[in-house]
Amino acid sequence: MRVPHPDAPPWTVLARELARGGGTPAEILGAVRDRQPAGLPESLLVVGLVTGYGVPIRIAMDTIRWQGLGVAGGLTDDELNGLLAPYF
């Protein structure tokens, strides 16, 4: 896991703490989403993945289709895990 950019959103710190305990990216991001007062907005997700985890922007943009965000996307937990596992 790379060192996050100092301007990475605060949720990335929580995600790193949760990742130490194990779990898939979908489980970790779901826990982060549930602990944020406003959920995990798509734009904040993308920024955090790019600046906090070094996820390429193209892959980060694909994550906004994740069903766990409550949007009408078709990206399942398993598909999200496949995209993000190399970075978590």
Protein backbone atom coordinates (compact mmCIF):
# COMPACT_ATOMS: atom_id res chain seq x y z
CA MET A 1 0.00 0.00 0.00
CA ARG A 2 1.43 3.36 -0.95
CA VAL A 3 1.79 6.36 1.35
CA PRO A 4 -1.29 8.56 0.94
CA HIS A 5 -1.07 12.11 -0.33
CA PRO A 6 -1.33 14.59 2.57
CA ASP A 7 -4.50 16.04 1.03
CA ALA A 8 -6.26 12.67 0.78
CA PRO A 9 -9.77 12.77 2.28
CA PRO A 10 -9.98 11.79 5.97
CA TRP A 11 -11.99 8.65 5.17
CA THR A 12 -8.81 7.09 3.77
CA VAL A 13 -7.27 7.05 7.26
CA LEU A 14 -10.28 5.15 8.61
CA ALA A 15 -10.15 2.77 5.65
CA ARG A 16 -6.48 2.00 6.33
CA GLU A 17 -7.26 1.27 9.98
CA LEU A 18 -10.08 -1.07 8.95
CA ALA A 19 -7.87 -2.75 6.34
CA ARG A 20 -5.38 -3.76 9.03
CA GLY A 21 -8.06 -6.04 10.44
CA GLY A 22 -8.58 -7.73 7.09
CA GLY A 23 -11.62 -7.61 4.89
CA THR A 24 -12.31 -6.98 1.28
CA PRO A 25 -12.35 -3.53 -0.32
CA ALA A 26 -16.17 -3.73 -0.48
CA GLU A 27 -16.38 -4.52 3.24
CA ILE A 28 -13.94 -1.74 4.12
CA LEU A 29 -15.63 0.87 1.93
CA GLY A 30 -19.04 -0.23 3.22
CA ALA A 31 -17.90 0.30 6.80
CA VAL A 32 -16.47 3.72 5.88
CA ARG A 33 -19.73 4.65 4.13
CA ASP A 34 -21.75 3.65 7.18
CA ARG A 35 -19.60 5.78 9.51
CA GLN A 36 -19.74 8.96 7.44
CA PRO A 37 -22.61 11.34 8.30
CA ALA A 38 -23.34 11.98 4.62
CA GLY A 39 -22.37 8.52 3.40
CA LEU A 40 -19.57 8.28 0.89
CA PRO A 41 -20.25 10.59 -2.05
CA GLU A 42 -19.02 9.36 -5.41
CA SER A 43 -16.66 12.28 -5.92
CA LEU A 44 -15.07 11.80 -2.50
CA LEU A 45 -14.67 8.09 -3.19
CA VAL A 46 -12.81 8.76 -6.43
CA VAL A 47 -10.55 11.44 -4.91
CA GLY A 48 -9.73 9.21 -1.95
CA LEU A 49 -8.93 6.19 -4.09
CA VAL A 50 -6.60 8.21 -6.31
CA THR A 51 -4.84 10.28 -3.64
CA GLY A 52 -4.97 7.80 -0.77
CA TYR A 53 -4.35 4.52 -2.55
CA GLY A 54 -2.78 5.36 -5.89
CA VAL A 55 -5.67 3.86 -7.84
CA PRO A 56 -5.53 5.03 -11.47
CA ILE A 57 -8.28 7.53 -12.24
CA ARG A 58 -9.86 5.24 -14.85
CA ILE A 59 -10.29 2.46 -12.30
CA ALA A 60 -11.41 4.88 -9.57
CA MET A 61 -14.08 6.26 -11.89
CA ASP A 62 -15.39 2.73 -12.48
CA THR A 63 -16.07 2.39 -8.74
CA ILE A 64 -18.84 4.99 -8.79
CA ARG A 65 -21.05 2.27 -10.30
CA TRP A 66 -20.70 0.20 -7.10
CA GLN A 67 -24.10 -0.93 -5.81
CA GLY A 68 -22.92 -0.25 -2.24
CA LEU A 69 -23.17 3.48 -2.88
CA GLY A 70 -26.91 3.18 -3.36
CA VAL A 71 -26.79 4.41 -6.93
CA ALA A 72 -28.26 2.69 -9.93
CA GLY A 73 -24.93 1.11 -10.80
CA GLY A 74 -24.33 -2.46 -11.66
CA LEU A 75 -20.92 -3.02 -10.04
CA THR A 76 -21.20 -5.83 -7.49
CA ASP A 77 -19.08 -6.27 -4.37
CA ASP A 78 -17.08 -9.01 -6.11
CA GLU A 79 -16.41 -6.78 -9.10
CA LEU A 80 -15.38 -3.90 -6.83
CA ASN A 81 -13.04 -6.23 -4.96
CA GLY A 82 -11.50 -7.31 -8.25
CA LEU A 83 -10.84 -3.70 -9.23
CA LEU A 84 -9.43 -2.54 -5.92
CA ALA A 85 -7.76 -5.59 -4.33
CA PRO A 86 -4.34 -4.76 -5.82
CA TYR A 87 -4.42 -1.35 -4.10
CA PHE A 88 -5.78 -2.24 -0.65
